[in-house]
N, C-alpha and C. Protein backbone atom coordinates (compact mmCIF):
# COMPACT_ATOMS: atom_id res chain seq x y z
N MET A 1 -11.71 -22.65 17.33
CA MET A 1 -12.37 -23.91 17.63
C MET A 1 -13.48 -24.15 16.62
N THR A 2 -13.39 -25.22 15.91
CA THR A 2 -14.50 -25.65 15.01
C THR A 2 -15.30 -26.73 15.63
N THR A 3 -16.58 -26.59 15.55
CA THR A 3 -17.47 -27.60 16.20
C THR A 3 -18.26 -28.34 15.16
N THR A 4 -18.81 -29.47 15.58
CA THR A 4 -19.68 -30.26 14.71
C THR A 4 -21.12 -30.27 15.27
N THR A 5 -21.34 -29.56 16.33
CA THR A 5 -22.69 -29.51 16.91
C THR A 5 -23.65 -28.81 15.93
N ALA A 6 -24.77 -29.43 15.67
CA ALA A 6 -25.77 -28.82 14.78
C ALA A 6 -26.67 -27.89 15.55
N HIS A 7 -26.87 -26.74 15.08
CA HIS A 7 -27.81 -25.76 15.60
C HIS A 7 -28.74 -25.41 14.48
N THR A 8 -30.03 -25.31 14.78
CA THR A 8 -31.03 -25.00 13.77
C THR A 8 -31.68 -23.63 14.01
N ALA A 9 -31.60 -22.77 13.04
CA ALA A 9 -32.28 -21.50 13.13
C ALA A 9 -33.79 -21.75 12.88
N ARG A 10 -34.60 -21.23 13.75
CA ARG A 10 -36.06 -21.43 13.60
C ARG A 10 -36.71 -20.17 13.14
N PRO A 11 -37.27 -20.19 11.91
CA PRO A 11 -38.00 -19.03 11.42
C PRO A 11 -39.37 -18.95 12.15
N ILE A 12 -40.04 -17.85 12.01
CA ILE A 12 -41.44 -17.77 12.54
C ILE A 12 -42.27 -18.81 11.78
N ALA A 13 -42.98 -19.62 12.54
CA ALA A 13 -43.75 -20.70 11.91
C ALA A 13 -44.87 -20.16 11.02
N PRO A 14 -45.19 -20.91 9.98
CA PRO A 14 -46.22 -20.48 9.02
C PRO A 14 -47.55 -20.15 9.67
N GLU A 15 -48.01 -20.94 10.64
CA GLU A 15 -49.30 -20.69 11.27
C GLU A 15 -49.23 -19.40 12.11
N VAL A 16 -48.08 -19.07 12.68
CA VAL A 16 -47.95 -17.82 13.42
C VAL A 16 -47.93 -16.69 12.46
N LEU A 17 -47.26 -16.83 11.34
CA LEU A 17 -47.24 -15.79 10.31
C LEU A 17 -48.63 -15.43 9.85
N ARG A 18 -49.45 -16.45 9.61
CA ARG A 18 -50.82 -16.17 9.16
C ARG A 18 -51.54 -15.34 10.19
N SER A 19 -51.36 -15.62 11.46
CA SER A 19 -52.06 -14.86 12.49
C SER A 19 -51.51 -13.42 12.59
N LEU A 20 -50.20 -13.28 12.48
CA LEU A 20 -49.55 -11.97 12.53
C LEU A 20 -50.00 -11.07 11.41
N ARG A 21 -50.25 -11.68 10.27
CA ARG A 21 -50.74 -10.92 9.12
C ARG A 21 -52.12 -10.36 9.31
N VAL A 22 -52.92 -11.00 10.18
CA VAL A 22 -54.27 -10.49 10.50
C VAL A 22 -54.12 -9.51 11.64
N THR A 23 -53.58 -9.90 12.80
CA THR A 23 -53.38 -9.02 13.88
C THR A 23 -52.04 -9.39 14.53
N ASP A 24 -51.15 -8.44 14.61
CA ASP A 24 -49.83 -8.74 15.12
C ASP A 24 -49.84 -8.76 16.65
N ASP A 25 -48.74 -9.00 17.26
CA ASP A 25 -48.65 -9.19 18.74
C ASP A 25 -48.83 -7.86 19.51
N ALA A 26 -48.98 -6.73 18.79
CA ALA A 26 -49.28 -5.47 19.41
C ALA A 26 -50.77 -5.09 19.15
N GLY A 27 -51.53 -6.04 18.49
CA GLY A 27 -52.92 -5.78 18.26
C GLY A 27 -53.22 -5.00 17.03
N ARG A 28 -52.23 -4.83 16.14
CA ARG A 28 -52.43 -4.03 14.93
C ARG A 28 -52.49 -4.92 13.70
N ARG A 29 -53.19 -4.48 12.70
CA ARG A 29 -53.26 -5.20 11.43
C ARG A 29 -52.03 -4.88 10.61
N ALA A 30 -51.52 -5.95 9.97
CA ALA A 30 -50.31 -5.77 9.12
C ALA A 30 -50.69 -4.90 7.89
N VAL A 31 -49.74 -4.02 7.48
CA VAL A 31 -49.91 -3.23 6.29
C VAL A 31 -48.83 -3.61 5.36
N PRO A 32 -49.17 -4.41 4.33
CA PRO A 32 -48.18 -4.86 3.33
C PRO A 32 -47.71 -3.67 2.49
N PHE A 33 -46.46 -3.77 1.99
CA PHE A 33 -45.91 -2.75 1.09
C PHE A 33 -44.87 -3.43 0.21
N THR A 34 -44.64 -2.79 -0.88
CA THR A 34 -43.61 -3.25 -1.84
C THR A 34 -42.25 -2.72 -1.39
N ASP A 35 -41.39 -3.63 -1.19
CA ASP A 35 -40.01 -3.24 -0.74
C ASP A 35 -39.26 -2.73 -1.98
N ALA A 36 -39.02 -1.46 -2.02
CA ALA A 36 -38.38 -0.84 -3.20
C ALA A 36 -36.85 -1.12 -3.19
N GLU A 37 -36.25 -1.13 -2.03
CA GLU A 37 -34.81 -1.22 -1.90
C GLU A 37 -34.30 -2.64 -1.74
N GLY A 38 -35.07 -3.50 -1.06
CA GLY A 38 -34.56 -4.82 -0.67
C GLY A 38 -33.67 -4.76 0.51
N GLY A 39 -33.30 -5.91 1.00
CA GLY A 39 -32.34 -5.95 2.12
C GLY A 39 -32.96 -6.14 3.50
N ALA A 40 -34.30 -6.15 3.61
CA ALA A 40 -34.92 -6.35 4.91
C ALA A 40 -34.74 -7.80 5.38
N PRO A 41 -34.34 -8.02 6.62
CA PRO A 41 -34.23 -9.38 7.11
C PRO A 41 -35.57 -10.04 7.38
N LEU A 42 -35.98 -10.98 6.49
CA LEU A 42 -37.26 -11.63 6.59
C LEU A 42 -37.20 -12.76 7.58
N ARG A 43 -38.07 -12.72 8.60
CA ARG A 43 -38.05 -13.80 9.64
C ARG A 43 -38.85 -15.00 9.29
N CYS A 44 -39.54 -14.98 8.14
CA CYS A 44 -40.30 -16.13 7.70
C CYS A 44 -39.48 -17.13 6.91
N CYS A 45 -38.45 -16.63 6.17
CA CYS A 45 -37.64 -17.48 5.36
C CYS A 45 -36.15 -17.30 5.59
N LEU A 46 -35.85 -16.41 6.56
CA LEU A 46 -34.50 -16.17 7.04
C LEU A 46 -33.50 -15.83 5.89
N ARG A 47 -33.95 -14.86 5.11
CA ARG A 47 -33.13 -14.28 4.09
C ARG A 47 -33.43 -12.81 3.94
N ARG A 48 -32.64 -12.13 3.19
CA ARG A 48 -32.95 -10.67 2.97
C ARG A 48 -33.98 -10.54 1.82
N SER A 49 -34.82 -9.54 1.91
CA SER A 49 -35.75 -9.30 0.82
C SER A 49 -35.05 -8.77 -0.39
N VAL A 50 -35.74 -8.93 -1.54
CA VAL A 50 -35.18 -8.38 -2.79
C VAL A 50 -36.12 -7.27 -3.23
N PRO A 51 -35.60 -6.31 -3.97
CA PRO A 51 -36.49 -5.24 -4.46
C PRO A 51 -37.71 -5.79 -5.19
N GLY A 52 -38.85 -5.16 -4.84
CA GLY A 52 -40.12 -5.55 -5.50
C GLY A 52 -40.95 -6.58 -4.76
N GLU A 53 -40.37 -7.13 -3.70
CA GLU A 53 -41.17 -8.12 -2.92
C GLU A 53 -42.21 -7.41 -2.03
N ALA A 54 -43.34 -8.16 -1.85
CA ALA A 54 -44.34 -7.62 -0.94
C ALA A 54 -44.05 -8.13 0.46
N ILE A 55 -43.81 -7.18 1.37
CA ILE A 55 -43.49 -7.56 2.74
C ILE A 55 -44.31 -6.74 3.69
N ALA A 56 -44.21 -7.03 4.98
CA ALA A 56 -44.91 -6.29 6.02
C ALA A 56 -43.98 -6.21 7.25
N LEU A 57 -44.14 -5.15 7.94
CA LEU A 57 -43.43 -4.97 9.21
C LEU A 57 -44.48 -5.17 10.34
N VAL A 58 -44.32 -6.22 11.15
CA VAL A 58 -45.31 -6.51 12.20
C VAL A 58 -44.59 -6.58 13.55
N SER A 59 -45.37 -6.47 14.59
CA SER A 59 -44.88 -6.62 15.92
C SER A 59 -44.94 -8.12 16.37
N TYR A 60 -43.85 -8.62 16.87
CA TYR A 60 -43.80 -10.04 17.19
C TYR A 60 -43.21 -10.20 18.62
N ALA A 61 -43.82 -11.09 19.39
CA ALA A 61 -43.36 -11.39 20.73
C ALA A 61 -42.83 -12.80 20.77
N PRO A 62 -41.56 -13.00 20.44
CA PRO A 62 -41.02 -14.42 20.27
C PRO A 62 -41.07 -15.16 21.56
N LEU A 63 -40.73 -14.58 22.67
CA LEU A 63 -40.73 -15.32 23.96
C LEU A 63 -42.14 -15.67 24.41
N ARG A 64 -43.08 -14.78 24.13
CA ARG A 64 -44.50 -15.04 24.51
C ARG A 64 -45.00 -16.24 23.70
N ARG A 65 -44.68 -16.24 22.42
CA ARG A 65 -45.14 -17.38 21.50
C ARG A 65 -44.50 -18.67 22.01
N TRP A 66 -43.22 -18.67 22.32
CA TRP A 66 -42.55 -19.88 22.82
C TRP A 66 -43.14 -20.32 24.14
N ALA A 67 -43.38 -19.38 25.02
CA ALA A 67 -43.95 -19.70 26.33
C ALA A 67 -45.35 -20.35 26.21
N ALA A 68 -46.12 -19.91 25.29
CA ALA A 68 -47.43 -20.47 25.03
C ALA A 68 -47.33 -21.94 24.66
N GLU A 69 -46.29 -22.32 23.92
CA GLU A 69 -46.04 -23.69 23.46
C GLU A 69 -45.57 -24.54 24.65
N THR A 70 -44.73 -23.95 25.52
CA THR A 70 -44.00 -24.76 26.50
C THR A 70 -44.58 -24.64 27.96
N GLY A 71 -45.46 -23.65 28.18
CA GLY A 71 -45.91 -23.45 29.50
C GLY A 71 -45.00 -22.64 30.39
N ALA A 72 -44.04 -22.01 29.83
CA ALA A 72 -43.07 -21.16 30.57
C ALA A 72 -43.77 -19.88 31.00
N HIS A 73 -43.14 -19.21 31.99
CA HIS A 73 -43.66 -17.96 32.52
C HIS A 73 -42.58 -16.90 32.53
N PRO A 74 -42.36 -16.24 31.37
CA PRO A 74 -41.28 -15.29 31.26
C PRO A 74 -41.45 -14.00 32.05
N GLY A 75 -42.69 -13.73 32.48
CA GLY A 75 -42.88 -12.50 33.26
C GLY A 75 -42.42 -11.26 32.55
N ALA A 76 -41.61 -10.47 33.24
CA ALA A 76 -41.16 -9.19 32.68
C ALA A 76 -40.25 -9.33 31.44
N TYR A 77 -39.71 -10.57 31.21
CA TYR A 77 -38.85 -10.78 30.09
C TYR A 77 -39.60 -10.86 28.79
N ASP A 78 -40.84 -10.95 28.83
CA ASP A 78 -41.65 -10.96 27.63
C ASP A 78 -41.62 -9.63 27.00
N GLU A 79 -41.25 -9.63 25.75
CA GLU A 79 -41.18 -8.35 24.98
C GLU A 79 -41.62 -8.58 23.54
N GLN A 80 -41.91 -7.48 22.90
CA GLN A 80 -42.29 -7.56 21.49
C GLN A 80 -41.53 -6.48 20.73
N GLY A 81 -41.34 -6.78 19.44
CA GLY A 81 -40.62 -5.83 18.63
C GLY A 81 -40.91 -6.04 17.11
N PRO A 82 -40.37 -5.19 16.30
CA PRO A 82 -40.71 -5.20 14.87
C PRO A 82 -39.89 -6.33 14.17
N VAL A 83 -40.58 -7.00 13.23
CA VAL A 83 -39.97 -7.98 12.33
C VAL A 83 -40.54 -7.85 10.96
N PHE A 84 -39.74 -8.04 9.96
CA PHE A 84 -40.18 -8.07 8.54
C PHE A 84 -40.53 -9.51 8.19
N VAL A 85 -41.68 -9.64 7.50
CA VAL A 85 -42.14 -10.95 7.03
C VAL A 85 -42.72 -10.75 5.58
N HIS A 86 -42.80 -11.80 4.85
CA HIS A 86 -43.50 -11.70 3.56
C HIS A 86 -44.91 -11.40 3.82
N ALA A 87 -45.57 -10.64 2.91
CA ALA A 87 -46.94 -10.27 3.04
C ALA A 87 -47.86 -11.45 2.74
N GLU A 88 -47.38 -12.41 2.03
CA GLU A 88 -48.11 -13.64 1.67
C GLU A 88 -47.24 -14.85 2.15
N ASP A 89 -47.84 -16.03 2.06
CA ASP A 89 -47.08 -17.25 2.39
C ASP A 89 -45.83 -17.35 1.61
N CYS A 90 -44.79 -17.88 2.21
CA CYS A 90 -43.52 -18.14 1.50
C CYS A 90 -43.12 -19.58 1.80
N ALA A 91 -42.10 -20.07 1.11
CA ALA A 91 -41.65 -21.43 1.20
C ALA A 91 -40.75 -21.71 2.41
N GLY A 92 -40.46 -20.68 3.19
CA GLY A 92 -39.53 -20.88 4.30
C GLY A 92 -38.10 -20.83 3.84
N PRO A 93 -37.17 -21.21 4.74
CA PRO A 93 -35.75 -21.10 4.42
C PRO A 93 -35.36 -22.05 3.27
N ALA A 94 -34.50 -21.55 2.38
CA ALA A 94 -34.03 -22.34 1.26
C ALA A 94 -33.15 -23.45 1.81
N ASP A 95 -32.33 -23.17 2.85
CA ASP A 95 -31.47 -24.18 3.47
C ASP A 95 -31.80 -24.20 4.92
N PRO A 96 -32.64 -25.17 5.35
CA PRO A 96 -33.02 -25.23 6.78
C PRO A 96 -31.88 -25.47 7.78
N ALA A 97 -30.76 -25.96 7.23
CA ALA A 97 -29.60 -26.24 8.08
C ALA A 97 -28.71 -24.99 8.31
N ALA A 98 -28.90 -23.95 7.52
CA ALA A 98 -28.03 -22.76 7.57
C ALA A 98 -28.34 -21.88 8.77
N LEU A 99 -27.34 -21.27 9.27
CA LEU A 99 -27.49 -20.25 10.31
C LEU A 99 -27.36 -18.91 9.58
N PRO A 100 -28.49 -18.20 9.39
CA PRO A 100 -28.44 -17.00 8.56
C PRO A 100 -28.02 -15.73 9.35
N PHE A 101 -27.79 -14.68 8.65
CA PHE A 101 -27.51 -13.34 9.25
C PHE A 101 -26.31 -13.39 10.18
N THR A 102 -25.29 -14.16 9.83
CA THR A 102 -24.12 -14.23 10.64
C THR A 102 -23.00 -13.34 10.12
N ASN A 103 -23.31 -12.52 9.16
CA ASN A 103 -22.29 -11.65 8.49
C ASN A 103 -22.12 -10.34 9.19
N ALA A 104 -22.68 -10.13 10.40
CA ALA A 104 -22.54 -8.88 11.11
C ALA A 104 -22.56 -9.20 12.61
N PRO A 105 -22.14 -8.25 13.43
CA PRO A 105 -22.23 -8.52 14.87
C PRO A 105 -23.63 -8.84 15.31
N ARG A 106 -23.75 -9.83 16.19
CA ARG A 106 -25.02 -10.31 16.71
C ARG A 106 -24.93 -10.51 18.21
N VAL A 107 -26.03 -10.39 18.89
CA VAL A 107 -26.13 -10.76 20.29
C VAL A 107 -26.87 -12.08 20.38
N LEU A 108 -26.33 -13.01 21.16
CA LEU A 108 -27.02 -14.29 21.39
C LEU A 108 -27.50 -14.22 22.84
N ARG A 109 -28.76 -14.06 22.98
CA ARG A 109 -29.41 -13.93 24.31
C ARG A 109 -29.89 -15.27 24.77
N ARG A 110 -29.47 -15.71 25.94
CA ARG A 110 -29.78 -17.05 26.45
C ARG A 110 -30.98 -16.93 27.43
N TYR A 111 -31.85 -18.01 27.37
CA TYR A 111 -33.03 -18.05 28.20
C TYR A 111 -33.11 -19.42 28.89
N SER A 112 -33.66 -19.36 30.15
CA SER A 112 -33.92 -20.61 30.89
C SER A 112 -35.23 -21.22 30.39
N ARG A 113 -35.57 -22.43 30.95
CA ARG A 113 -36.84 -23.08 30.59
C ARG A 113 -38.06 -22.29 31.07
N GLU A 114 -37.85 -21.37 31.99
CA GLU A 114 -38.98 -20.48 32.41
C GLU A 114 -39.04 -19.22 31.57
N GLY A 115 -38.08 -19.03 30.69
CA GLY A 115 -38.09 -17.82 29.85
C GLY A 115 -37.39 -16.67 30.48
N HIS A 116 -36.56 -16.86 31.43
CA HIS A 116 -35.78 -15.81 32.06
C HIS A 116 -34.43 -15.71 31.42
N ILE A 117 -33.97 -14.46 31.27
CA ILE A 117 -32.65 -14.26 30.65
C ILE A 117 -31.57 -14.76 31.57
N LEU A 118 -30.66 -15.57 30.99
CA LEU A 118 -29.51 -16.08 31.70
C LEU A 118 -28.22 -15.45 31.31
N GLY A 119 -28.30 -14.56 30.37
CA GLY A 119 -27.07 -13.83 29.88
C GLY A 119 -27.08 -13.80 28.42
N GLY A 120 -25.94 -13.38 27.89
CA GLY A 120 -25.85 -13.25 26.46
C GLY A 120 -24.40 -13.14 26.07
N ARG A 121 -24.25 -13.10 24.75
CA ARG A 121 -22.88 -12.96 24.22
C ARG A 121 -22.94 -12.13 22.94
N LEU A 122 -22.00 -11.23 22.85
CA LEU A 122 -21.86 -10.42 21.61
C LEU A 122 -20.87 -11.22 20.72
N VAL A 123 -21.32 -11.46 19.53
CA VAL A 123 -20.43 -12.13 18.56
C VAL A 123 -20.07 -11.09 17.46
N THR A 124 -18.84 -10.67 17.46
CA THR A 124 -18.47 -9.62 16.52
C THR A 124 -17.68 -10.17 15.31
N ASP A 125 -17.17 -11.38 15.46
CA ASP A 125 -16.48 -12.05 14.33
C ASP A 125 -17.51 -12.62 13.36
N ALA A 126 -17.41 -12.18 12.10
CA ALA A 126 -18.40 -12.57 11.11
C ALA A 126 -18.07 -13.99 10.50
N LEU A 127 -17.11 -14.65 11.03
CA LEU A 127 -16.82 -16.01 10.55
C LEU A 127 -17.85 -16.97 11.05
N PRO A 128 -18.34 -17.91 10.19
CA PRO A 128 -19.39 -18.87 10.62
C PRO A 128 -18.95 -19.67 11.87
N ASP A 129 -17.70 -20.07 11.94
CA ASP A 129 -17.27 -20.85 13.12
C ASP A 129 -17.41 -20.09 14.43
N ALA A 130 -17.17 -18.82 14.40
CA ALA A 130 -17.29 -17.98 15.62
C ALA A 130 -18.75 -18.01 16.12
N PHE A 131 -19.70 -17.92 15.21
CA PHE A 131 -21.09 -17.90 15.54
C PHE A 131 -21.54 -19.27 16.06
N THR A 132 -21.11 -20.37 15.33
CA THR A 132 -21.47 -21.74 15.78
C THR A 132 -20.80 -21.99 17.16
N ASP A 133 -19.58 -21.55 17.33
CA ASP A 133 -18.95 -21.78 18.65
C ASP A 133 -19.65 -21.07 19.76
N ALA A 134 -20.17 -19.89 19.53
CA ALA A 134 -20.93 -19.13 20.54
C ALA A 134 -22.23 -19.88 20.91
N LEU A 135 -22.88 -20.44 19.92
CA LEU A 135 -24.10 -21.20 20.21
C LEU A 135 -23.77 -22.50 20.98
N THR A 136 -22.69 -23.15 20.59
CA THR A 136 -22.26 -24.34 21.34
C THR A 136 -21.96 -23.98 22.75
N GLU A 137 -21.25 -22.88 22.95
CA GLU A 137 -20.95 -22.42 24.31
C GLU A 137 -22.21 -22.16 25.09
N ALA A 138 -23.18 -21.52 24.52
CA ALA A 138 -24.44 -21.21 25.20
C ALA A 138 -25.15 -22.51 25.68
N PHE A 139 -25.17 -23.52 24.82
CA PHE A 139 -25.88 -24.72 25.16
C PHE A 139 -25.07 -25.70 25.99
N THR A 140 -23.78 -25.37 26.32
CA THR A 140 -23.08 -26.15 27.29
C THR A 140 -23.60 -25.92 28.73
N ASP A 141 -24.26 -24.82 28.89
CA ASP A 141 -24.87 -24.47 30.17
C ASP A 141 -26.22 -25.32 30.22
N PRO A 142 -26.37 -26.22 31.10
CA PRO A 142 -27.60 -27.04 31.12
C PRO A 142 -28.90 -26.27 31.42
N GLU A 143 -28.73 -25.04 31.97
CA GLU A 143 -29.91 -24.22 32.23
C GLU A 143 -30.45 -23.55 31.00
N VAL A 144 -29.62 -23.40 29.92
CA VAL A 144 -30.05 -22.70 28.74
C VAL A 144 -30.94 -23.66 27.88
N THR A 145 -32.11 -23.13 27.64
CA THR A 145 -33.10 -23.87 26.84
C THR A 145 -33.23 -23.28 25.47
N LEU A 146 -33.05 -21.99 25.33
CA LEU A 146 -33.38 -21.26 24.15
C LEU A 146 -32.42 -20.10 23.98
N VAL A 147 -32.05 -19.81 22.72
CA VAL A 147 -31.18 -18.69 22.45
C VAL A 147 -31.86 -17.82 21.38
N HIS A 148 -31.95 -16.52 21.61
CA HIS A 148 -32.43 -15.55 20.61
C HIS A 148 -31.26 -14.94 19.95
N VAL A 149 -31.25 -14.94 18.63
CA VAL A 149 -30.22 -14.21 17.83
C VAL A 149 -30.81 -12.86 17.51
N ARG A 150 -30.08 -11.81 17.89
CA ARG A 150 -30.58 -10.42 17.73
C ARG A 150 -29.59 -9.56 17.01
N ALA A 151 -30.11 -8.59 16.27
CA ALA A 151 -29.30 -7.60 15.61
C ALA A 151 -28.71 -6.66 16.66
N VAL A 152 -27.47 -6.26 16.47
CA VAL A 152 -26.84 -5.36 17.49
C VAL A 152 -27.34 -3.90 17.21
N GLU A 153 -27.40 -3.49 15.98
CA GLU A 153 -27.71 -2.14 15.69
C GLU A 153 -29.12 -1.70 16.13
N TYR A 154 -30.09 -2.59 16.12
CA TYR A 154 -31.48 -2.24 16.52
C TYR A 154 -31.96 -3.06 17.70
N GLY A 155 -31.29 -4.17 18.03
CA GLY A 155 -31.75 -5.07 19.04
C GLY A 155 -32.88 -6.00 18.64
N CYS A 156 -33.22 -5.98 17.36
CA CYS A 156 -34.36 -6.77 16.88
C CYS A 156 -34.08 -8.26 16.86
N PHE A 157 -35.10 -9.01 17.19
CA PHE A 157 -35.11 -10.44 17.10
C PHE A 157 -34.96 -10.89 15.66
N LEU A 158 -34.01 -11.80 15.43
CA LEU A 158 -33.78 -12.36 14.06
C LEU A 158 -34.37 -13.76 13.98
N TYR A 159 -33.98 -14.62 14.92
CA TYR A 159 -34.55 -16.00 15.00
C TYR A 159 -34.14 -16.64 16.32
N GLU A 160 -34.70 -17.78 16.56
CA GLU A 160 -34.35 -18.51 17.79
C GLU A 160 -33.67 -19.80 17.43
N VAL A 161 -32.88 -20.30 18.40
CA VAL A 161 -32.26 -21.59 18.34
C VAL A 161 -32.61 -22.27 19.66
N ARG A 162 -33.16 -23.53 19.52
CA ARG A 162 -33.55 -24.28 20.72
C ARG A 162 -32.57 -25.41 21.00
N ARG A 163 -32.54 -25.83 22.24
CA ARG A 163 -31.76 -26.93 22.63
C ARG A 163 -32.21 -28.18 21.94
N GLY A 164 -31.28 -29.02 21.51
CA GLY A 164 -31.69 -30.32 20.88
C GLY A 164 -31.57 -30.26 19.51
C-alpha cells in the first residue's frame, strides 16, 4: 500500500538544543567531543554524523518537552534517554520533508493527547513505503496525537511525528 499522506519528522528544536547544551534533561552539562568514526544519529538535523564533526551526547526527555508545550500530563510515561546532537548550532535537516533513519527496523510508539502510550508497531521492512504506511496507520486512530520513532537496538528516541 502506497500512501500520499504527508508525515513530518520533527528534529529537536534549536532553542531546546541550546538549553540541552548548557544543562541536559538529566541536569548534566554537555561534553562535546570530536566524532572520530562518524555514523551517530544526530537528532538536531536528522542525519548521521561524519568523521571529525563536533557532537555531544546529552540526555533528552522528548515527551516531557512536548507536554510542556501542550499541557499534557504523561505521568509515568515521561522518560529521558541519550541523544546525539551537534555541539554547536546546525542548519537543521537538509530535506525537511524526508523521513530519516528508515533503513533499519524501528519502533513507532503511539501517544495520546495526555502523553500516555497507546501502543506501538515494529517496522522491520526498510522500504520507505512500509514506514510511511505504518505512520498513516498510527494516525488513523483518532486518539493518537504523537508518534515517537525509536531505534530497536537501543530503544533510543530518534524523532517525533505529530498529527497534522
